[in-house]
Amino acid sequence: MAKITLFTTGCPRCSVLKKKMDMKNIVYDVTNDTNVARNAGFTTAPLLFVDDTVMDFEDAVKWVNAYAN
């Protein structure tokens, strides 16, 4: 099973991604530590970390939409 972490600041896009993940019953951790995003080279939120892959909002939505329960 993949290790999935959502980096969120509570912004509207963060809420959309969280809701999509909840609807698919995806199990994930949540962090709002800004150092996580900065260390990954990003300055926006949300970010989705799936194992060693980091996705911005658009890629994360595509990943969630393709996720099979």
N, C-alpha and C. Protein backbone atom coordinates (compact mmCIF):
# COMPACT_ATOMS: atom_id res chain seq x y z
N MET A 1 0.84 -1.18 0.00
CA MET A 1 0.00 0.00 0.00
C MET A 1 0.89 1.25 0.00
N ALA A 2 0.51 2.22 -0.78
CA ALA A 2 1.28 3.46 -0.91
C ALA A 2 1.16 4.32 0.34
N LYS A 3 2.22 5.03 0.65
CA LYS A 3 2.21 6.02 1.72
C LYS A 3 1.75 7.33 1.09
N ILE A 4 0.61 7.85 1.53
CA ILE A 4 0.01 9.04 0.94
C ILE A 4 -0.10 10.13 2.01
N THR A 5 0.42 11.32 1.67
CA THR A 5 0.34 12.45 2.58
C THR A 5 -0.16 13.66 1.81
N LEU A 6 -1.14 14.33 2.36
CA LEU A 6 -1.68 15.57 1.78
C LEU A 6 -1.09 16.74 2.54
N PHE A 7 -0.41 17.64 1.80
CA PHE A 7 0.04 18.90 2.37
C PHE A 7 -1.04 19.92 2.08
N THR A 8 -1.56 20.55 3.12
CA THR A 8 -2.66 21.49 2.96
C THR A 8 -2.45 22.74 3.81
N THR A 9 -2.98 23.84 3.29
CA THR A 9 -3.00 25.08 4.05
C THR A 9 -4.43 25.43 4.43
N GLY A 10 -5.39 24.57 4.04
CA GLY A 10 -6.79 24.85 4.31
C GLY A 10 -7.44 25.70 3.24
N CYS A 11 -6.74 25.91 2.14
CA CYS A 11 -7.27 26.74 1.05
C CYS A 11 -8.42 26.02 0.33
N PRO A 12 -9.18 26.71 -0.50
CA PRO A 12 -10.28 26.06 -1.22
C PRO A 12 -9.85 24.87 -2.07
N ARG A 13 -8.71 24.97 -2.76
CA ARG A 13 -8.24 23.84 -3.56
C ARG A 13 -7.85 22.66 -2.67
N CYS A 14 -7.31 22.96 -1.51
CA CYS A 14 -6.98 21.90 -0.55
C CYS A 14 -8.25 21.16 -0.14
N SER A 15 -9.30 21.91 0.12
CA SER A 15 -10.58 21.32 0.52
C SER A 15 -11.16 20.45 -0.59
N VAL A 16 -11.04 20.90 -1.82
CA VAL A 16 -11.54 20.12 -2.97
C VAL A 16 -10.79 18.79 -3.05
N LEU A 17 -9.46 18.84 -2.97
CA LEU A 17 -8.68 17.62 -3.07
C LEU A 17 -8.98 16.68 -1.91
N LYS A 18 -9.09 17.22 -0.71
CA LYS A 18 -9.41 16.39 0.46
C LYS A 18 -10.77 15.72 0.28
N LYS A 19 -11.76 16.46 -0.19
CA LYS A 19 -13.09 15.91 -0.40
C LYS A 19 -13.07 14.79 -1.44
N LYS A 20 -12.34 15.00 -2.54
CA LYS A 20 -12.22 13.97 -3.57
C LYS A 20 -11.58 12.70 -3.02
N MET A 21 -10.54 12.88 -2.20
CA MET A 21 -9.86 11.72 -1.62
C MET A 21 -10.78 10.99 -0.65
N ASP A 22 -11.53 11.73 0.15
CA ASP A 22 -12.46 11.13 1.09
C ASP A 22 -13.56 10.35 0.36
N MET A 23 -14.03 10.89 -0.76
CA MET A 23 -15.08 10.21 -1.53
C MET A 23 -14.58 8.89 -2.11
N LYS A 24 -13.28 8.79 -2.38
CA LYS A 24 -12.69 7.56 -2.91
C LYS A 24 -12.20 6.64 -1.79
N ASN A 25 -12.41 7.06 -0.54
CA ASN A 25 -11.96 6.29 0.62
C ASN A 25 -10.46 6.05 0.62
N ILE A 26 -9.71 7.04 0.17
CA ILE A 26 -8.26 6.96 0.17
C ILE A 26 -7.75 7.26 1.58
N VAL A 27 -6.91 6.39 2.08
CA VAL A 27 -6.33 6.57 3.41
C VAL A 27 -5.06 7.41 3.27
N TYR A 28 -4.98 8.51 4.02
CA TYR A 28 -3.85 9.42 3.88
C TYR A 28 -3.61 10.16 5.19
N ASP A 29 -2.39 10.66 5.30
CA ASP A 29 -2.03 11.54 6.41
C ASP A 29 -2.16 12.97 5.94
N VAL A 30 -2.27 13.90 6.88
CA VAL A 30 -2.37 15.32 6.55
C VAL A 30 -1.27 16.07 7.29
N THR A 31 -0.64 17.00 6.60
CA THR A 31 0.32 17.90 7.24
C THR A 31 0.08 19.31 6.74
N ASN A 32 0.35 20.27 7.59
CA ASN A 32 0.28 21.67 7.18
C ASN A 32 1.61 22.38 7.48
N ASP A 33 2.66 21.58 7.62
CA ASP A 33 4.01 22.10 7.86
C ASP A 33 4.56 22.68 6.56
N THR A 34 4.72 24.00 6.52
CA THR A 34 5.16 24.66 5.29
C THR A 34 6.56 24.23 4.86
N ASN A 35 7.36 23.73 5.77
CA ASN A 35 8.69 23.24 5.41
C ASN A 35 8.61 22.03 4.48
N VAL A 36 7.55 21.26 4.59
CA VAL A 36 7.37 20.09 3.73
C VAL A 36 7.30 20.53 2.27
N ALA A 37 6.46 21.52 1.98
CA ALA A 37 6.32 22.03 0.62
C ALA A 37 7.60 22.70 0.16
N ARG A 38 8.17 23.52 1.00
CA ARG A 38 9.40 24.23 0.65
C ARG A 38 10.53 23.26 0.34
N ASN A 39 10.69 22.23 1.15
CA ASN A 39 11.75 21.24 0.94
C ASN A 39 11.54 20.44 -0.33
N ALA A 40 10.29 20.33 -0.77
CA ALA A 40 9.98 19.62 -2.02
C ALA A 40 10.11 20.56 -3.22
N GLY A 41 10.40 21.84 -2.98
CA GLY A 41 10.58 22.79 -4.07
C GLY A 41 9.31 23.46 -4.55
N PHE A 42 8.26 23.41 -3.75
CA PHE A 42 6.98 24.00 -4.13
C PHE A 42 6.65 25.20 -3.26
N THR A 43 5.86 26.11 -3.82
CA THR A 43 5.42 27.28 -3.06
C THR A 43 3.90 27.40 -3.05
N THR A 44 3.22 26.37 -3.53
CA THR A 44 1.76 26.39 -3.57
C THR A 44 1.20 25.16 -2.85
N ALA A 45 -0.07 25.21 -2.59
CA ALA A 45 -0.77 24.09 -1.96
C ALA A 45 -2.06 23.86 -2.72
N PRO A 46 -2.60 22.69 -2.66
CA PRO A 46 -2.12 21.51 -1.94
C PRO A 46 -1.06 20.76 -2.73
N LEU A 47 -0.38 19.88 -2.03
CA LEU A 47 0.53 18.93 -2.63
C LEU A 47 0.12 17.56 -2.16
N LEU A 48 0.30 16.58 -3.02
CA LEU A 48 0.01 15.21 -2.64
C LEU A 48 1.29 14.41 -2.80
N PHE A 49 1.71 13.79 -1.73
CA PHE A 49 2.89 12.94 -1.73
C PHE A 49 2.40 11.50 -1.76
N VAL A 50 2.76 10.77 -2.81
CA VAL A 50 2.44 9.35 -2.91
C VAL A 50 3.76 8.62 -3.03
N ASP A 51 4.13 7.95 -1.95
CA ASP A 51 5.46 7.35 -1.83
C ASP A 51 6.50 8.42 -2.14
N ASP A 52 7.28 8.28 -3.19
CA ASP A 52 8.34 9.25 -3.50
C ASP A 52 7.94 10.24 -4.58
N THR A 53 6.68 10.27 -4.96
CA THR A 53 6.19 11.18 -6.00
C THR A 53 5.43 12.33 -5.37
N VAL A 54 5.76 13.55 -5.82
CA VAL A 54 5.07 14.75 -5.33
C VAL A 54 4.24 15.31 -6.47
N MET A 55 2.96 15.60 -6.19
CA MET A 55 2.06 16.11 -7.21
C MET A 55 1.46 17.44 -6.79
N ASP A 56 1.37 18.36 -7.75
CA ASP A 56 0.66 19.61 -7.49
C ASP A 56 -0.84 19.33 -7.60
N PHE A 57 -1.65 20.36 -7.43
CA PHE A 57 -3.10 20.18 -7.40
C PHE A 57 -3.63 19.49 -8.64
N GLU A 58 -3.24 19.95 -9.82
CA GLU A 58 -3.78 19.39 -11.06
C GLU A 58 -3.42 17.92 -11.22
N ASP A 59 -2.15 17.58 -10.97
CA ASP A 59 -1.74 16.18 -11.09
C ASP A 59 -2.37 15.32 -10.00
N ALA A 60 -2.53 15.88 -8.82
CA ALA A 60 -3.16 15.14 -7.72
C ALA A 60 -4.61 14.81 -8.04
N VAL A 61 -5.34 15.76 -8.61
CA VAL A 61 -6.74 15.51 -8.98
C VAL A 61 -6.81 14.40 -10.03
N LYS A 62 -5.91 14.43 -11.01
CA LYS A 62 -5.88 13.36 -12.02
C LYS A 62 -5.61 12.02 -11.37
N TRP A 63 -4.66 11.99 -10.42
CA TRP A 63 -4.32 10.74 -9.74
C TRP A 63 -5.52 10.22 -8.95
N VAL A 64 -6.18 11.11 -8.21
CA VAL A 64 -7.34 10.71 -7.42
C VAL A 64 -8.46 10.22 -8.32
N ASN A 65 -8.72 10.92 -9.43
CA ASN A 65 -9.78 10.50 -10.33
C ASN A 65 -9.51 9.12 -10.93
N ALA A 66 -8.23 8.77 -11.13
CA ALA A 66 -7.88 7.47 -11.70
C ALA A 66 -7.75 6.38 -10.64
N TYR A 67 -7.78 6.76 -9.37
CA TYR A 67 -7.58 5.81 -8.28
C TYR A 67 -8.74 4.83 -8.23
N ALA A 68 -8.38 3.54 -8.19
CA ALA A 68 -9.39 2.49 -8.08
C ALA A 68 -9.47 2.02 -6.64
N ASN A 69 -10.67 2.03 -6.07
CA ASN A 69 -10.86 1.62 -4.67
C ASN A 69 -10.49 0.18 -4.50
